Amino acid sequence: NVKMVASKLANVFRNAMVFDICGSETKLLEIDESEKEILSFIAKQFKRYGLVKIGQILGRVERDLDLNIDERYTLEAALISCILILNNENEVKTPAK
């Protein structure tokens, strides 16, 4: 189910953002140690802005799926946007000569 996948992805990135901002001992997340490791890994892959932006994209896609006929396309477009954010954050900027 595309809506379920989008909802779970949005929740993961929301939790990664909260984890990154509040730390591993936050009471805002009810997670076990294995989930903390996963969220820590995800949070380290992105700058804070990237986590926020991806959270916004995935939150929007949840709403858009209710309005859109082609659910798969909507989710794929959102995931491509997330990949572009990750790629932009990981580009090594070299000084101009």
N, C-alpha and C. Protein backbone atom coordinates (compact mmCIF):
# COMPACT_ATOMS: atom_id res chain seq x y z
N ASN A 1 0.83 -1.18 0.00
CA ASN A 1 0.00 0.00 0.00
C ASN A 1 0.88 1.24 0.00
N VAL A 2 0.74 2.07 -1.01
CA VAL A 2 1.59 3.25 -1.19
C VAL A 2 1.39 4.25 -0.04
N LYS A 3 0.17 4.44 0.39
CA LYS A 3 -0.10 5.39 1.49
C LYS A 3 0.58 4.95 2.77
N MET A 4 0.59 3.66 3.04
CA MET A 4 1.23 3.16 4.25
C MET A 4 2.74 3.38 4.20
N VAL A 5 3.34 3.12 3.03
CA VAL A 5 4.79 3.33 2.87
C VAL A 5 5.13 4.80 3.08
N ALA A 6 4.36 5.69 2.47
CA ALA A 6 4.61 7.13 2.62
C ALA A 6 4.48 7.56 4.07
N SER A 7 3.49 7.05 4.75
CA SER A 7 3.28 7.40 6.15
C SER A 7 4.43 6.92 7.02
N LYS A 8 4.89 5.70 6.80
CA LYS A 8 6.02 5.16 7.58
C LYS A 8 7.29 5.94 7.30
N LEU A 9 7.55 6.29 6.03
CA LEU A 9 8.73 7.08 5.70
C LEU A 9 8.68 8.45 6.36
N ALA A 10 7.52 9.09 6.31
CA ALA A 10 7.38 10.40 6.95
C ALA A 10 7.66 10.30 8.44
N ASN A 11 7.18 9.24 9.07
CA ASN A 11 7.39 9.05 10.50
C ASN A 11 8.87 8.82 10.82
N VAL A 12 9.55 8.04 10.00
CA VAL A 12 10.98 7.78 10.22
C VAL A 12 11.77 9.08 10.15
N PHE A 13 11.51 9.91 9.14
CA PHE A 13 12.27 11.15 9.01
C PHE A 13 11.88 12.17 10.07
N ARG A 14 10.63 12.15 10.50
CA ARG A 14 10.23 13.01 11.61
C ARG A 14 10.99 12.60 12.86
N ASN A 15 11.05 11.29 13.12
CA ASN A 15 11.76 10.80 14.29
C ASN A 15 13.26 11.09 14.20
N ALA A 16 13.83 10.96 13.00
CA ALA A 16 15.27 11.26 12.83
C ALA A 16 15.54 12.73 13.10
N MET A 17 14.62 13.59 12.68
CA MET A 17 14.78 15.03 12.93
C MET A 17 14.71 15.32 14.43
N VAL A 18 13.72 14.75 15.11
CA VAL A 18 13.59 14.94 16.56
C VAL A 18 14.82 14.39 17.27
N PHE A 19 15.27 13.21 16.87
CA PHE A 19 16.45 12.58 17.46
C PHE A 19 17.67 13.46 17.29
N ASP A 20 17.84 14.01 16.09
CA ASP A 20 19.00 14.86 15.80
C ASP A 20 18.98 16.13 16.63
N ILE A 21 17.82 16.73 16.78
CA ILE A 21 17.71 18.00 17.48
C ILE A 21 17.73 17.81 19.00
N CYS A 22 17.01 16.81 19.49
CA CYS A 22 16.82 16.65 20.94
C CYS A 22 17.79 15.66 21.59
N GLY A 23 18.43 14.82 20.79
CA GLY A 23 19.35 13.85 21.35
C GLY A 23 18.69 12.50 21.60
N SER A 24 19.51 11.52 21.91
CA SER A 24 19.06 10.14 22.01
C SER A 24 18.20 9.86 23.24
N GLU A 25 18.25 10.72 24.24
CA GLU A 25 17.49 10.46 25.47
C GLU A 25 16.18 11.24 25.53
N THR A 26 15.75 11.79 24.43
CA THR A 26 14.52 12.57 24.42
C THR A 26 13.31 11.72 24.79
N LYS A 27 12.40 12.32 25.49
CA LYS A 27 11.15 11.65 25.87
C LYS A 27 10.09 11.82 24.78
N LEU A 28 10.42 12.57 23.74
CA LEU A 28 9.47 12.78 22.65
C LEU A 28 9.33 11.55 21.75
N LEU A 29 10.29 10.65 21.84
CA LEU A 29 10.26 9.43 21.02
C LEU A 29 10.19 8.21 21.92
N GLU A 30 9.26 7.35 21.64
CA GLU A 30 9.17 6.08 22.37
C GLU A 30 9.79 5.01 21.50
N ILE A 31 11.12 4.85 21.63
CA ILE A 31 11.85 3.92 20.77
C ILE A 31 12.83 3.10 21.61
N ASP A 32 13.17 1.92 21.08
CA ASP A 32 14.13 1.08 21.78
C ASP A 32 15.54 1.37 21.25
N GLU A 33 16.52 0.68 21.81
CA GLU A 33 17.92 0.93 21.47
C GLU A 33 18.22 0.68 19.99
N SER A 34 17.63 -0.36 19.41
CA SER A 34 17.90 -0.64 17.99
C SER A 34 17.35 0.47 17.10
N GLU A 35 16.20 1.01 17.47
CA GLU A 35 15.65 2.13 16.71
C GLU A 35 16.50 3.39 16.87
N LYS A 36 17.07 3.58 18.05
CA LYS A 36 17.97 4.72 18.27
C LYS A 36 19.18 4.64 17.34
N GLU A 37 19.72 3.44 17.18
CA GLU A 37 20.87 3.26 16.28
C GLU A 37 20.50 3.60 14.85
N ILE A 38 19.32 3.16 14.42
CA ILE A 38 18.86 3.43 13.06
C ILE A 38 18.64 4.93 12.86
N LEU A 39 17.98 5.58 13.82
CA LEU A 39 17.73 7.02 13.70
C LEU A 39 19.03 7.81 13.73
N SER A 40 19.98 7.37 14.54
CA SER A 40 21.28 8.02 14.58
C SER A 40 21.97 7.93 13.22
N PHE A 41 21.91 6.75 12.61
CA PHE A 41 22.51 6.56 11.28
C PHE A 41 21.85 7.48 10.26
N ILE A 42 20.52 7.50 10.26
CA ILE A 42 19.80 8.34 9.30
C ILE A 42 20.13 9.81 9.52
N ALA A 43 20.11 10.25 10.78
CA ALA A 43 20.38 11.66 11.08
C ALA A 43 21.78 12.08 10.65
N LYS A 44 22.73 11.17 10.72
CA LYS A 44 24.11 11.49 10.33
C LYS A 44 24.28 11.62 8.82
N GLN A 45 23.33 11.12 8.06
CA GLN A 45 23.42 11.18 6.61
C GLN A 45 23.02 12.53 6.05
N PHE A 46 22.36 13.34 6.88
CA PHE A 46 21.80 14.62 6.42
C PHE A 46 22.19 15.75 7.35
N LYS A 47 22.24 16.94 6.79
CA LYS A 47 22.30 18.13 7.62
C LYS A 47 20.90 18.35 8.15
N ARG A 48 20.78 19.15 9.18
CA ARG A 48 19.46 19.39 9.78
C ARG A 48 18.46 19.92 8.77
N TYR A 49 18.90 20.83 7.94
CA TYR A 49 18.01 21.40 6.93
C TYR A 49 17.47 20.30 6.02
N GLY A 50 18.33 19.35 5.66
CA GLY A 50 17.90 18.25 4.81
C GLY A 50 16.84 17.40 5.47
N LEU A 51 17.03 17.11 6.76
CA LEU A 51 16.02 16.33 7.49
C LEU A 51 14.68 17.07 7.53
N VAL A 52 14.73 18.36 7.77
CA VAL A 52 13.50 19.16 7.82
C VAL A 52 12.83 19.16 6.45
N LYS A 53 13.62 19.38 5.41
CA LYS A 53 13.07 19.45 4.05
C LYS A 53 12.46 18.12 3.64
N ILE A 54 13.15 17.02 3.93
CA ILE A 54 12.61 15.70 3.59
C ILE A 54 11.35 15.42 4.40
N GLY A 55 11.33 15.82 5.66
CA GLY A 55 10.12 15.67 6.46
C GLY A 55 8.95 16.43 5.86
N GLN A 56 9.21 17.62 5.36
CA GLN A 56 8.16 18.42 4.72
C GLN A 56 7.67 17.74 3.44
N ILE A 57 8.61 17.26 2.63
CA ILE A 57 8.25 16.59 1.38
C ILE A 57 7.38 15.37 1.66
N LEU A 58 7.82 14.55 2.60
CA LEU A 58 7.08 13.32 2.90
C LEU A 58 5.74 13.61 3.57
N GLY A 59 5.68 14.66 4.36
CA GLY A 59 4.41 15.06 4.94
C GLY A 59 3.43 15.53 3.87
N ARG A 60 3.95 16.29 2.90
CA ARG A 60 3.11 16.74 1.79
C ARG A 60 2.63 15.58 0.94
N VAL A 61 3.51 14.59 0.72
CA VAL A 61 3.13 13.48 -0.13
C VAL A 61 1.99 12.68 0.50
N GLU A 62 1.97 12.59 1.82
CA GLU A 62 0.85 11.91 2.48
C GLU A 62 -0.47 12.59 2.12
N ARG A 63 -0.48 13.91 2.17
CA ARG A 63 -1.69 14.66 1.82
C ARG A 63 -2.00 14.52 0.33
N ASP A 64 -0.96 14.62 -0.50
CA ASP A 64 -1.16 14.55 -1.94
C ASP A 64 -1.68 13.19 -2.39
N LEU A 65 -1.32 12.15 -1.67
CA LEU A 65 -1.81 10.82 -2.05
C LEU A 65 -3.33 10.72 -1.92
N ASP A 66 -3.90 11.46 -1.00
CA ASP A 66 -5.35 11.46 -0.86
C ASP A 66 -6.03 12.17 -2.03
N LEU A 67 -5.31 13.07 -2.68
CA LEU A 67 -5.88 13.87 -3.75
C LEU A 67 -5.50 13.36 -5.14
N ASN A 68 -4.54 12.47 -5.22
CA ASN A 68 -3.97 12.08 -6.51
C ASN A 68 -4.45 10.70 -6.94
N ILE A 69 -4.67 10.56 -8.22
CA ILE A 69 -5.09 9.27 -8.78
C ILE A 69 -3.90 8.32 -8.87
N ASP A 70 -2.74 8.84 -9.27
CA ASP A 70 -1.57 7.98 -9.48
C ASP A 70 -0.67 8.03 -8.25
N GLU A 71 -0.96 7.19 -7.27
CA GLU A 71 -0.25 7.19 -6.00
C GLU A 71 1.23 6.87 -6.18
N ARG A 72 1.52 5.90 -7.02
CA ARG A 72 2.92 5.48 -7.22
C ARG A 72 3.76 6.64 -7.75
N TYR A 73 3.26 7.34 -8.74
CA TYR A 73 4.00 8.47 -9.30
C TYR A 73 4.24 9.54 -8.24
N THR A 74 3.24 9.84 -7.46
CA THR A 74 3.35 10.85 -6.41
C THR A 74 4.46 10.49 -5.42
N LEU A 75 4.48 9.24 -4.98
CA LEU A 75 5.51 8.79 -4.04
C LEU A 75 6.88 8.79 -4.70
N GLU A 76 6.97 8.31 -5.94
CA GLU A 76 8.26 8.29 -6.63
C GLU A 76 8.82 9.70 -6.80
N ALA A 77 7.98 10.65 -7.16
CA ALA A 77 8.45 12.04 -7.32
C ALA A 77 8.97 12.59 -6.00
N ALA A 78 8.30 12.28 -4.90
CA ALA A 78 8.75 12.73 -3.59
C ALA A 78 10.08 12.10 -3.22
N LEU A 79 10.23 10.81 -3.49
CA LEU A 79 11.49 10.12 -3.16
C LEU A 79 12.65 10.66 -3.99
N ILE A 80 12.39 10.99 -5.24
CA ILE A 80 13.44 11.59 -6.08
C ILE A 80 13.86 12.94 -5.50
N SER A 81 12.90 13.72 -5.02
CA SER A 81 13.24 15.00 -4.38
C SER A 81 14.12 14.78 -3.15
N CYS A 82 13.82 13.74 -2.38
CA CYS A 82 14.62 13.43 -1.19
C CYS A 82 16.04 13.02 -1.58
N ILE A 83 16.16 12.24 -2.63
CA ILE A 83 17.49 11.81 -3.11
C ILE A 83 18.30 13.02 -3.57
N LEU A 84 17.65 13.94 -4.25
CA LEU A 84 18.35 15.15 -4.71
C LEU A 84 18.86 15.97 -3.52
N ILE A 85 18.08 16.05 -2.46
CA ILE A 85 18.53 16.76 -1.25
C ILE A 85 19.77 16.08 -0.68
N LEU A 86 19.73 14.75 -0.57
CA LEU A 86 20.88 14.01 -0.05
C LEU A 86 22.10 14.22 -0.94
N ASN A 87 21.94 14.14 -2.24
CA ASN A 87 23.06 14.33 -3.15
C ASN A 87 23.65 15.73 -3.04
N ASN A 88 22.79 16.74 -2.92
CA ASN A 88 23.28 18.11 -2.79
C ASN A 88 24.04 18.31 -1.49
N GLU A 89 23.58 17.67 -0.42
CA GLU A 89 24.26 17.83 0.87
C GLU A 89 25.61 17.12 0.89
N ASN A 90 25.76 16.09 0.08
CA ASN A 90 26.99 15.32 0.11
C ASN A 90 28.00 15.73 -0.97
N GLU A 91 27.64 16.72 -1.77
CA GLU A 91 28.58 17.21 -2.75
C GLU A 91 29.75 17.87 -2.04
N VAL A 92 30.93 17.59 -2.52
CA VAL A 92 32.12 18.23 -1.96
C VAL A 92 32.34 19.52 -2.73
N LYS A 93 32.29 20.61 -2.04
CA LYS A 93 32.49 21.92 -2.67
C LYS A 93 33.98 22.21 -2.72
N THR A 94 34.47 22.42 -3.92
CA THR A 94 35.89 22.76 -4.05
C THR A 94 36.00 24.24 -4.33
N PRO A 95 36.97 24.89 -3.72
CA PRO A 95 37.10 26.34 -3.94
C PRO A 95 37.44 26.64 -5.38
N ALA A 96 36.92 27.76 -5.87
CA ALA A 96 37.22 28.19 -7.24
C ALA A 96 38.67 28.61 -7.32
N LYS A 97 39.25 28.28 -8.45
CA LYS A 97 40.67 28.67 -8.65
C LYS A 97 40.79 29.99 -9.33
